[in-house]
Amino acid sequence: ATAQKLGADDDVDMLVILTACYFHDIVSLAKNHPQRQRSSILAAEETRRLLREEFVQFPAEKIEAVCHAIAAHSFSAQIAPLTTEAKIVQDADRLEALGNIG
């Protein structure tokens, strides 16, 4: 819902945004895990595999955009969002986290 609101006024690909939001935490390593900062990268890799192998009707040309948005959503990964869609996913995730705290 947050990502949809953030993208409502922009010319963005909502399929990319919503798919990235759905899968962004498919791999989430524990806070004390030594590879914790790689969670979003691992989630992007697993999403790529799933979209190619299990969701074969998903548009192939959108897979890398989805995976970039997933990899870039995490603060700890320190990957800059290069697309508006990735920035929206990142912002939505951070806003959702703030809601859970405050």
PDB file of N, CA and C in Angstrom:
ATOM      1  N   ALA A   1       0.822  -1.191   0.000  1.00  0.00           N
ATOM      2  CA  ALA A   1       0.000   0.000   0.000  1.00  0.00           C
ATOM      3  C   ALA A   1       0.867   1.255   0.000  1.00  0.00           C
ATOM      4  N   THR A   2       1.932   1.257   0.795  1.00  0.00           N
ATOM      5  CA  THR A   2       2.809   2.425   0.849  1.00  0.00           C
ATOM      6  C   THR A   2       3.480   2.656  -0.498  1.00  0.00           C
ATOM      7  N   ALA A   3       3.988   1.608  -1.107  1.00  0.00           N
ATOM      8  CA  ALA A   3       4.652   1.745  -2.407  1.00  0.00           C
ATOM      9  C   ALA A   3       3.674   2.215  -3.472  1.00  0.00           C
ATOM     10  N   GLN A   4       2.448   1.734  -3.434  1.00  0.00           N
ATOM     11  CA  GLN A   4       1.437   2.171  -4.402  1.00  0.00           C
ATOM     12  C   GLN A   4       1.166   3.658  -4.248  1.00  0.00           C
ATOM     13  N   LYS A   5       1.081   4.127  -3.015  1.00  0.00           N
ATOM     14  CA  LYS A   5       0.847   5.553  -2.774  1.00  0.00           C
ATOM     15  C   LYS A   5       2.028   6.383  -3.253  1.00  0.00           C
ATOM     16  N   LEU A   6       3.237   5.925  -2.982  1.00  0.00           N
ATOM     17  CA  LEU A   6       4.425   6.672  -3.399  1.00  0.00           C
ATOM     18  C   LEU A   6       4.551   6.749  -4.915  1.00  0.00           C
ATOM     19  N   GLY A   7       4.110   5.724  -5.610  1.00  0.00           N
ATOM     20  CA  GLY A   7       4.235   5.695  -7.064  1.00  0.00           C
ATOM     21  C   GLY A   7       3.029   6.197  -7.816  1.00  0.00           C
ATOM     22  N   ALA A   8       1.999   6.598  -7.101  1.00  0.00           N
ATOM     23  CA  ALA A   8       0.726   6.949  -7.740  1.00  0.00           C
ATOM     24  C   ALA A   8       0.831   8.116  -8.713  1.00  0.00           C
ATOM     25  N   ASP A   9       1.653   9.094  -8.418  1.00  0.00           N
ATOM     26  CA  ASP A   9       1.722  10.286  -9.261  1.00  0.00           C
ATOM     27  C   ASP A   9       2.868  10.262 -10.258  1.00  0.00           C
ATOM     28  N   ASP A  10       3.645   9.205 -10.259  1.00  0.00           N
ATOM     29  CA  ASP A  10       4.795   9.107 -11.156  1.00  0.00           C
ATOM     30  C   ASP A  10       4.495   8.167 -12.318  1.00  0.00           C
ATOM     31  N   ASP A  11       5.256   8.336 -13.381  1.00  0.00           N
ATOM     32  CA  ASP A  11       5.171   7.419 -14.516  1.00  0.00           C
ATOM     33  C   ASP A  11       6.134   6.268 -14.231  1.00  0.00           C
ATOM     34  N   VAL A  12       5.639   5.289 -13.467  1.00  0.00           N
ATOM     35  CA  VAL A  12       6.479   4.176 -13.028  1.00  0.00           C
ATOM     36  C   VAL A  12       5.840   2.857 -13.422  1.00  0.00           C
ATOM     37  N   ASP A  13       6.630   1.810 -13.351  1.00  0.00           N
ATOM     38  CA  ASP A  13       6.151   0.466 -13.657  1.00  0.00           C
ATOM     39  C   ASP A  13       5.701  -0.191 -12.355  1.00  0.00           C
ATOM     40  N   MET A  14       4.397  -0.190 -12.117  1.00  0.00           N
ATOM     41  CA  MET A  14       3.869  -0.730 -10.869  1.00  0.00           C
ATOM     42  C   MET A  14       4.089  -2.235 -10.757  1.00  0.00           C
ATOM     43  N   LEU A  15       4.176  -2.946 -11.872  1.00  0.00           N
ATOM     44  CA  LEU A  15       4.454  -4.380 -11.798  1.00  0.00           C
ATOM     45  C   LEU A  15       5.837  -4.614 -11.189  1.00  0.00           C
ATOM     46  N   VAL A  16       6.808  -3.828 -11.601  1.00  0.00           N
ATOM     47  CA  VAL A  16       8.158  -3.929 -11.043  1.00  0.00           C
ATOM     48  C   VAL A  16       8.128  -3.604  -9.552  1.00  0.00           C
ATOM     49  N   ILE A  17       7.467  -2.518  -9.193  1.00  0.00           N
ATOM     50  CA  ILE A  17       7.413  -2.085  -7.794  1.00  0.00           C
ATOM     51  C   ILE A  17       6.729  -3.126  -6.919  1.00  0.00           C
ATOM     52  N   LEU A  18       5.551  -3.561  -7.321  1.00  0.00           N
ATOM     53  CA  LEU A  18       4.792  -4.492  -6.485  1.00  0.00           C
ATOM     54  C   LEU A  18       5.465  -5.860  -6.390  1.00  0.00           C
ATOM     55  N   THR A  19       6.078  -6.306  -7.475  1.00  0.00           N
ATOM     56  CA  THR A  19       6.798  -7.582  -7.436  1.00  0.00           C
ATOM     57  C   THR A  19       7.998  -7.481  -6.499  1.00  0.00           C
ATOM     58  N   ALA A  20       8.730  -6.383  -6.594  1.00  0.00           N
ATOM     59  CA  ALA A  20       9.878  -6.184  -5.703  1.00  0.00           C
ATOM     60  C   ALA A  20       9.431  -6.113  -4.245  1.00  0.00           C
ATOM     61  N   CYS A  21       8.326  -5.437  -3.994  1.00  0.00           N
ATOM     62  CA  CYS A  21       7.814  -5.360  -2.619  1.00  0.00           C
ATOM     63  C   CYS A  21       7.418  -6.738  -2.105  1.00  0.00           C
ATOM     64  N   TYR A  22       6.814  -7.516  -2.956  1.00  0.00           N
ATOM     65  CA  TYR A  22       6.367  -8.850  -2.555  1.00  0.00           C
ATOM     66  C   TYR A  22       7.543  -9.756  -2.183  1.00  0.00           C
ATOM     67  N   PHE A  23       8.634  -9.673  -2.946  1.00  0.00           N
ATOM     68  CA  PHE A  23       9.759 -10.591  -2.768  1.00  0.00           C
ATOM     69  C   PHE A  23      10.942 -10.009  -1.986  1.00  0.00           C
ATOM     70  N   HIS A  24      10.925  -8.747  -1.610  1.00  0.00           N
ATOM     71  CA  HIS A  24      12.143  -8.097  -1.109  1.00  0.00           C
ATOM     72  C   HIS A  24      12.743  -8.730   0.143  1.00  0.00           C
ATOM     73  N   ASP A  25      11.950  -9.378   0.943  1.00  0.00           N
ATOM     74  CA  ASP A  25      12.479 -10.020   2.154  1.00  0.00           C
ATOM     75  C   ASP A  25      12.450 -11.544   2.070  1.00  0.00           C
ATOM     76  N   ILE A  26      12.480 -12.080   0.860  1.00  0.00           N
ATOM     77  CA  ILE A  26      12.422 -13.535   0.694  1.00  0.00           C
ATOM     78  C   ILE A  26      13.652 -14.205   1.318  1.00  0.00           C
ATOM     79  N   VAL A  27      14.762 -13.486   1.385  1.00  0.00           N
ATOM     80  CA  VAL A  27      15.935 -13.920   2.146  1.00  0.00           C
ATOM     81  C   VAL A  27      16.205 -12.819   3.163  1.00  0.00           C
ATOM     82  N   SER A  28      16.192 -13.172   4.422  1.00  0.00           N
ATOM     83  CA  SER A  28      16.438 -12.203   5.489  1.00  0.00           C
ATOM     84  C   SER A  28      17.290 -12.878   6.557  1.00  0.00           C
ATOM     85  N   LEU A  29      18.554 -12.530   6.559  1.00  0.00           N
ATOM     86  CA  LEU A  29      19.477 -13.126   7.526  1.00  0.00           C
ATOM     87  C   LEU A  29      19.330 -12.434   8.881  1.00  0.00           C
ATOM     88  N   ALA A  30      19.591 -13.164   9.934  1.00  0.00           N
ATOM     89  CA  ALA A  30      19.468 -12.630  11.292  1.00  0.00           C
ATOM     90  C   ALA A  30      20.365 -11.406  11.485  1.00  0.00           C
ATOM     91  N   LYS A  31      19.942 -10.519  12.366  1.00  0.00           N
ATOM     92  CA  LYS A  31      20.685  -9.274  12.617  1.00  0.00           C
ATOM     93  C   LYS A  31      22.145  -9.532  13.000  1.00  0.00           C
ATOM     94  N   ASN A  32      22.413 -10.645  13.668  1.00  0.00           N
ATOM     95  CA  ASN A  32      23.782 -10.941  14.101  1.00  0.00           C
ATOM     96  C   ASN A  32      24.545 -11.837  13.118  1.00  0.00           C
ATOM     97  N   HIS A  33      23.938 -12.154  11.979  1.00  0.00           N
ATOM     98  CA  HIS A  33      24.602 -13.000  10.978  1.00  0.00           C
ATOM     99  C   HIS A  33      25.728 -12.203  10.314  1.00  0.00           C
ATOM    100  N   PRO A  34      26.905 -12.815  10.114  1.00  0.00           N
ATOM    101  CA  PRO A  34      28.029 -12.081   9.523  1.00  0.00           C
ATOM    102  C   PRO A  34      27.773 -11.595   8.094  1.00  0.00           C
ATOM    103  N   GLN A  35      26.835 -12.198   7.393  1.00  0.00           N
ATOM    104  CA  GLN A  35      26.516 -11.791   6.020  1.00  0.00           C
ATOM    105  C   GLN A  35      25.226 -10.965   5.940  1.00  0.00           C
ATOM    106  N   ARG A  36      24.767 -10.431   7.066  1.00  0.00           N
ATOM    107  CA  ARG A  36      23.493  -9.701   7.135  1.00  0.00           C
ATOM    108  C   ARG A  36      23.368  -8.639   6.037  1.00  0.00           C
ATOM    109  N   GLN A  37      24.435  -7.909   5.765  1.00  0.00           N
ATOM    110  CA  GLN A  37      24.378  -6.837   4.771  1.00  0.00           C
ATOM    111  C   GLN A  37      24.122  -7.366   3.359  1.00  0.00           C
ATOM    112  N   ARG A  38      24.238  -8.676   3.155  1.00  0.00           N
ATOM    113  CA  ARG A  38      24.007  -9.273   1.842  1.00  0.00           C
ATOM    114  C   ARG A  38      22.581  -9.803   1.674  1.00  0.00           C
ATOM    115  N   SER A  39      21.740  -9.646   2.691  1.00  0.00           N
ATOM    116  CA  SER A  39      20.375 -10.183   2.621  1.00  0.00           C
ATOM    117  C   SER A  39      19.634  -9.730   1.373  1.00  0.00           C
ATOM    118  N   SER A  40      19.689  -8.438   1.067  1.00  0.00           N
ATOM    119  CA  SER A  40      18.932  -7.945  -0.087  1.00  0.00           C
ATOM    120  C   SER A  40      19.507  -8.470  -1.404  1.00  0.00           C
ATOM    121  N   ILE A  41      20.809  -8.658  -1.465  1.00  0.00           N
ATOM    122  CA  ILE A  41      21.435  -9.208  -2.669  1.00  0.00           C
ATOM    123  C   ILE A  41      21.017 -10.666  -2.850  1.00  0.00           C
ATOM    124  N   LEU A  42      21.031 -11.413  -1.754  1.00  0.00           N
ATOM    125  CA  LEU A  42      20.592 -12.810  -1.806  1.00  0.00           C
ATOM    126  C   LEU A  42      19.106 -12.903  -2.143  1.00  0.00           C
ATOM    127  N   ALA A  43      18.315 -11.972  -1.629  1.00  0.00           N
ATOM    128  CA  ALA A  43      16.885 -11.943  -1.958  1.00  0.00           C
ATOM    129  C   ALA A  43      16.684 -11.660  -3.444  1.00  0.00           C
ATOM    130  N   ALA A  44      17.486 -10.761  -4.000  1.00  0.00           N
ATOM    131  CA  ALA A  44      17.392 -10.463  -5.432  1.00  0.00           C
ATOM    132  C   ALA A  44      17.762 -11.688  -6.264  1.00  0.00           C
ATOM    133  N   GLU A  45      18.798 -12.398  -5.857  1.00  0.00           N
ATOM    134  CA  GLU A  45      19.213 -13.601  -6.587  1.00  0.00           C
ATOM    135  C   GLU A  45      18.137 -14.681  -6.537  1.00  0.00           C
ATOM    136  N   GLU A  46      17.536 -14.876  -5.369  1.00  0.00           N
ATOM    137  CA  GLU A  46      16.481 -15.880  -5.235  1.00  0.00           C
ATOM    138  C   GLU A  46      15.241 -15.473  -6.027  1.00  0.00           C
ATOM    139  N   THR A  47      14.931 -14.192  -6.024  1.00  0.00           N
ATOM    140  CA  THR A  47      13.788 -13.701  -6.802  1.00  0.00           C
ATOM    141  C   THR A  47      14.019 -13.922  -8.288  1.00  0.00           C
ATOM    142  N   ARG A  48      15.224 -13.639  -8.759  1.00  0.00           N
ATOM    143  CA  ARG A  48      15.562 -13.864 -10.170  1.00  0.00           C
ATOM    144  C   ARG A  48      15.314 -15.328 -10.536  1.00  0.00           C
ATOM    145  N   ARG A  49      15.784 -16.225  -9.680  1.00  0.00           N
ATOM    146  CA  ARG A  49      15.591 -17.656  -9.928  1.00  0.00           C
ATOM    147  C   ARG A  49      14.106 -18.009  -9.947  1.00  0.00           C
ATOM    148  N   LEU A  50      13.371 -17.544  -8.967  1.00  0.00           N
ATOM    149  CA  LEU A  50      11.942 -17.859  -8.891  1.00  0.00           C
ATOM    150  C   LEU A  50      11.163 -17.321 -10.085  1.00  0.00           C
ATOM    151  N   LEU A  51      11.438 -16.081 -10.465  1.00  0.00           N
ATOM    152  CA  LEU A  51      10.705 -15.496 -11.592  1.00  0.00           C
ATOM    153  C   LEU A  51      11.001 -16.244 -12.889  1.00  0.00           C
ATOM    154  N   ARG A  52      12.241 -16.668 -13.060  1.00  0.00           N
ATOM    155  CA  ARG A  52      12.608 -17.397 -14.281  1.00  0.00           C
ATOM    156  C   ARG A  52      12.080 -18.829 -14.293  1.00  0.00           C
ATOM    157  N   GLU A  53      12.111 -19.495 -13.133  1.00  0.00           N
ATOM    158  CA  GLU A  53      11.782 -20.923 -13.086  1.00  0.00           C
ATOM    159  C   GLU A  53      10.348 -21.227 -12.668  1.00  0.00           C
ATOM    160  N   GLU A  54       9.785 -20.449 -11.770  1.00  0.00           N
ATOM    161  CA  GLU A  54       8.458 -20.743 -11.226  1.00  0.00           C
ATOM    162  C   GLU A  54       7.365 -19.814 -11.755  1.00  0.00           C
ATOM    163  N   PHE A  55       7.739 -18.615 -12.121  1.00  0.00           N
ATOM    164  CA  PHE A  55       6.786 -17.630 -12.635  1.00  0.00           C
ATOM    165  C   PHE A  55       7.149 -17.326 -14.092  1.00  0.00           C
ATOM    166  N   VAL A  56       7.126 -18.350 -14.910  1.00  0.00           N
ATOM    167  CA  VAL A  56       7.639 -18.247 -16.279  1.00  0.00           C
ATOM    168  C   VAL A  56       6.856 -17.264 -17.142  1.00  0.00           C
ATOM    169  N   GLN A  57       5.653 -16.916 -16.743  1.00  0.00           N
ATOM    170  CA  GLN A  57       4.871 -15.947 -17.508  1.00  0.00           C
ATOM    171  C   GLN A  57       5.198 -14.505 -17.122  1.00  0.00           C
ATOM    172  N   PHE A  58       6.001 -14.327 -16.086  1.00  0.00           N
ATOM    173  CA  PHE A  58       6.409 -12.978 -15.701  1.00  0.00           C
ATOM    174  C   PHE A  58       7.272 -12.405 -16.825  1.00  0.00           C
ATOM    175  N   PRO A  59       7.045 -11.150 -17.220  1.00  0.00           N
ATOM    176  CA  PRO A  59       7.808 -10.566 -18.336  1.00  0.00           C
ATOM    177  C   PRO A  59       9.321 -10.572 -18.075  1.00  0.00           C
ATOM    178  N   ALA A  60      10.046 -11.297 -18.899  1.00  0.00           N
ATOM    179  CA  ALA A  60      11.496 -11.455 -18.726  1.00  0.00           C
ATOM    180  C   ALA A  60      12.222 -10.115 -18.725  1.00  0.00           C
ATOM    181  N   GLU A  61      11.725  -9.159 -19.495  1.00  0.00           N
ATOM    182  CA  GLU A  61      12.390  -7.860 -19.601  1.00  0.00           C
ATOM    183  C   GLU A  61      12.271  -7.028 -18.323  1.00  0.00           C
ATOM    184  N   LYS A  62      11.449  -7.459 -17.381  1.00  0.00           N
ATOM    185  CA  LYS A  62      11.276  -6.716 -16.129  1.00  0.00           C
ATOM    186  C   LYS A  62      12.027  -7.345 -14.954  1.00  0.00           C
ATOM    187  N   ILE A  63      12.574  -8.516 -15.148  1.00  0.00           N
ATOM    188  CA  ILE A  63      13.200  -9.243 -14.040  1.00  0.00           C
ATOM    189  C   ILE A  63      14.379  -8.478 -13.447  1.00  0.00           C
ATOM    190  N   GLU A  64      15.248  -7.944 -14.267  1.00  0.00           N
ATOM    191  CA  GLU A  64      16.418  -7.239 -13.733  1.00  0.00           C
ATOM    192  C   GLU A  64      16.019  -5.970 -12.996  1.00  0.00           C
ATOM    193  N   ALA A  65      14.978  -5.286 -13.448  1.00  0.00           N
ATOM    194  CA  ALA A  65      14.498  -4.093 -12.742  1.00  0.00           C
ATOM    195  C   ALA A  65      13.958  -4.468 -11.367  1.00  0.00           C
ATOM    196  N   VAL A  66      13.234  -5.574 -11.298  1.00  0.00           N
ATOM    197  CA  VAL A  66      12.730  -6.073 -10.015  1.00  0.00           C
ATOM    198  C   VAL A  66      13.903  -6.412  -9.097  1.00  0.00           C
ATOM    199  N   CYS A  67      14.870  -7.125  -9.618  1.00  0.00           N
ATOM    200  CA  CYS A  67      16.011  -7.561  -8.806  1.00  0.00           C
ATOM    201  C   CYS A  67      16.854  -6.383  -8.333  1.00  0.00           C
ATOM    202  N   HIS A  68      17.007  -5.368  -9.170  1.00  0.00           N
ATOM    203  CA  HIS A  68      17.739  -4.172  -8.734  1.00  0.00           C
ATOM    204  C   HIS A  68      16.988  -3.481  -7.595  1.00  0.00           C
ATOM    205  N   ALA A  69      15.680  -3.360  -7.724  1.00  0.00           N
ATOM    206  CA  ALA A  69      14.892  -2.716  -6.671  1.00  0.00           C
ATOM    207  C   ALA A  69      15.014  -3.477  -5.354  1.00  0.00           C
ATOM    208  N   ILE A  70      15.038  -4.788  -5.427  1.00  0.00           N
ATOM    209  CA  ILE A  70      15.187  -5.606  -4.216  1.00  0.00           C
ATOM    210  C   ILE A  70      16.580  -5.418  -3.613  1.00  0.00           C
ATOM    211  N   ALA A  71      17.605  -5.501  -4.429  1.00  0.00           N
ATOM    212  CA  ALA A  71      18.975  -5.359  -3.924  1.00  0.00           C
ATOM    213  C   ALA A  71      19.203  -3.979  -3.311  1.00  0.00           C
ATOM    214  N   ALA A  72      18.619  -2.946  -3.909  1.00  0.00           N
ATOM    215  CA  ALA A  72      18.852  -1.568  -3.466  1.00  0.00           C
ATOM    216  C   ALA A  72      17.968  -1.141  -2.302  1.00  0.00           C
ATOM    217  N   HIS A  73      16.980  -1.934  -1.942  1.00  0.00           N
ATOM    218  CA  HIS A  73      16.043  -1.479  -0.906  1.00  0.00           C
ATOM    219  C   HIS A  73      16.680  -1.405   0.478  1.00  0.00           C
ATOM    220  N   SER A  74      17.710  -2.180   0.715  1.00  0.00           N
ATOM    221  CA  SER A  74      18.294  -2.301   2.050  1.00  0.00           C
ATOM    222  C   SER A  74      19.332  -1.221   2.328  1.00  0.00           C
ATOM    223  N   PHE A  75      19.207  -0.600   3.486  1.00  0.00           N
ATOM    224  CA  PHE A  75      20.190   0.399   3.906  1.00  0.00           C
ATOM    225  C   PHE A  75      21.566  -0.238   4.067  1.00  0.00           C
ATOM    226  N   SER A  76      21.625  -1.417   4.662  1.00  0.00           N
ATOM    227  CA  SER A  76      22.913  -2.046   4.970  1.00  0.00           C
ATOM    228  C   SER A  76      23.669  -2.518   3.734  1.00  0.00           C
ATOM    229  N   ALA A  77      22.974  -2.761   2.636  1.00  0.00           N
ATOM    230  CA  ALA A  77      23.652  -3.205   1.413  1.00  0.00           C
ATOM    231  C   ALA A  77      24.418  -2.072   0.739  1.00  0.00           C
ATOM    232  N   GLN A  78      24.024  -0.838   1.008  1.00  0.00           N
ATOM    233  CA  GLN A  78      24.668   0.349   0.437  1.00  0.00           C
ATOM    234  C   GLN A  78      24.712   0.308  -1.088  1.00  0.00           C
ATOM    235  N   ILE A  79      23.581  -0.069  -1.688  1.00  0.00           N
ATOM    236  CA  ILE A  79      23.435  -0.066  -3.142  1.00  0.00           C
ATOM    237  C   ILE A  79      22.501   1.079  -3.495  1.00  0.00           C
ATOM    238  N   ALA A  80      22.973   1.992  -4.308  1.00  0.00           N
ATOM    239  CA  ALA A  80      22.155   3.146  -4.678  1.00  0.00           C
ATOM    240  C   ALA A  80      21.042   2.722  -5.630  1.00  0.00           C
ATOM    241  N   PRO A  81      19.820   3.192  -5.391  1.00  0.00           N
ATOM    242  CA  PRO A  81      18.729   2.902  -6.325  1.00  0.00           C
ATOM    243  C   PRO A  81      18.926   3.713  -7.610  1.00  0.00           C
ATOM    244  N   LEU A  82      18.972   3.030  -8.741  1.00  0.00           N
ATOM    245  CA  LEU A  82      19.251   3.691 -10.018  1.00  0.00           C
ATOM    246  C   LEU A  82      17.998   3.990 -10.824  1.00  0.00           C
ATOM    247  N   THR A  83      16.857   3.535 -10.350  1.00  0.00           N
ATOM    248  CA  THR A  83      15.594   3.775 -11.053  1.00  0.00           C
ATOM    249  C   THR A  83      14.583   4.355 -10.073  1.00  0.00           C
ATOM    250  N   THR A  84      13.579   4.995 -10.615  1.00  0.00           N
ATOM    251  CA  THR A  84      12.503   5.518  -9.769  1.00  0.00           C
ATOM    252  C   THR A  84      11.808   4.380  -9.041  1.00  0.00           C
ATOM    253  N   GLU A  85      11.615   3.268  -9.721  1.00  0.00           N
ATOM    254  CA  GLU A  85      10.972   2.111  -9.098  1.00  0.00           C
ATOM    255  C   GLU A  85      11.776   1.621  -7.890  1.00  0.00           C
ATOM    256  N   ALA A  86      13.085   1.535  -8.036  1.00  0.00           N
ATOM    257  CA  ALA A  86      13.936   1.088  -6.931  1.00  0.00           C
ATOM    258  C   ALA A  86      13.885   2.075  -5.772  1.00  0.00           C
ATOM    259  N   LYS A  87      13.861   3.358  -6.067  1.00  0.00           N
ATOM    260  CA  LYS A  87      13.781   4.380  -5.018  1.00  0.00           C
ATOM    261  C   LYS A  87      12.453   4.277  -4.275  1.00  0.00           C
ATOM    262  N   ILE A  88      11.374   4.031  -4.994  1.00  0.00           N
ATOM    263  CA  ILE A  88      10.064   3.889  -4.354  1.00  0.00           C
ATOM    264  C   ILE A  88      10.047   2.677  -3.431  1.00  0.00           C
ATOM    265  N   VAL A  89      10.594   1.558  -3.880  1.00  0.00           N
ATOM    266  CA  VAL A  89      10.647   0.356  -3.034  1.00  0.00           C
ATOM    267  C   VAL A  89      11.486   0.642  -1.786  1.00  0.00           C
ATOM    268  N   GLN A  90      12.615   1.295  -1.957  1.00  0.00           N
ATOM    269  CA  GLN A  90      13.479   1.640  -0.826  1.00  0.00           C
ATOM    270  C   GLN A  90      12.751   2.557   0.156  1.00  0.00           C
ATOM    271  N   ASP A  91      12.124   3.610  -0.363  1.00  0.00           N
ATOM    272  CA  ASP A  91      11.402   4.550   0.496  1.00  0.00           C
ATOM    273  C   ASP A  91      10.243   3.871   1.217  1.00  0.00           C
ATOM    274  N   ALA A  92       9.499   3.044   0.510  1.00  0.00           N
ATOM    275  CA  ALA A  92       8.362   2.349   1.119  1.00  0.00           C
ATOM    276  C   ALA A  92       8.831   1.428   2.239  1.00  0.00           C
ATOM    277  N   ASP A  93       9.918   0.713   2.014  1.00  0.00           N
ATOM    278  CA  ASP A  93      10.439  -0.188   3.040  1.00  0.00           C
ATOM    279  C   ASP A  93      10.869   0.594   4.277  1.00  0.00           C
ATOM    280  N   ARG A  94      11.512   1.722   4.079  1.00  0.00           N
ATOM    281  CA  ARG A  94      11.962   2.536   5.213  1.00  0.00           C
ATOM    282  C   ARG A  94      10.785   3.148   5.960  1.00  0.00           C
ATOM    283  N   LEU A  95       9.790   3.611   5.223  1.00  0.00           N
ATOM    284  CA  LEU A  95       8.594   4.153   5.877  1.00  0.00           C
ATOM    285  C   LEU A  95       7.861   3.077   6.666  1.00  0.00           C
ATOM    286  N   GLU A  96       7.769   1.888   6.105  1.00  0.00           N
ATOM    287  CA  GLU A  96       7.125   0.776   6.816  1.00  0.00           C
ATOM    288  C   GLU A  96       7.902   0.438   8.089  1.00  0.00           C
ATOM    289  N   ALA A  97       9.228   0.468   8.019  1.00  0.00           N
ATOM    290  CA  ALA A  97      10.046   0.176   9.200  1.00  0.00           C
ATOM    291  C   ALA A  97       9.833   1.226  10.283  1.00  0.00           C
ATOM    292  N   LEU A  98       9.722   2.485   9.881  1.00  0.00           N
ATOM    293  CA  LEU A  98       9.457   3.547  10.851  1.00  0.00           C
ATOM    294  C   LEU A  98       8.108   3.349  11.521  1.00  0.00           C
ATOM    295  N   GLY A  99       7.137   2.900  10.763  1.00  0.00           N
ATOM    296  CA  GLY A  99       5.813   2.644  11.323  1.00  0.00           C
ATOM    297  C   GLY A  99       5.846   1.558  12.369  1.00  0.00           C
ATOM    298  N   ASN A 100       6.713   0.588  12.177  1.00  0.00           N
ATOM    299  CA  ASN A 100       6.844  -0.502  13.146  1.00  0.00           C
ATOM    300  C   ASN A 100       7.555  -0.050  14.415  1.00  0.00           C
ATOM    301  N   ILE A 101       8.342   1.009  14.307  1.00  0.00           N
ATOM    302  CA  ILE A 101       9.075   1.519  15.466  1.00  0.00           C
ATOM    303  C   ILE A 101       8.232   2.536  16.230  1.00  0.00           C
ATOM    304  N   GLY A 102       7.649   3.481  15.466  1.00  0.00           N
ATOM    305  CA  GLY A 102       6.960   4.617  16.083  1.00  0.00           C
ATOM    306  C   GLY A 102       5.543   4.466  16.277  1.00  0.00           C
TER     307      GLY A 102
END
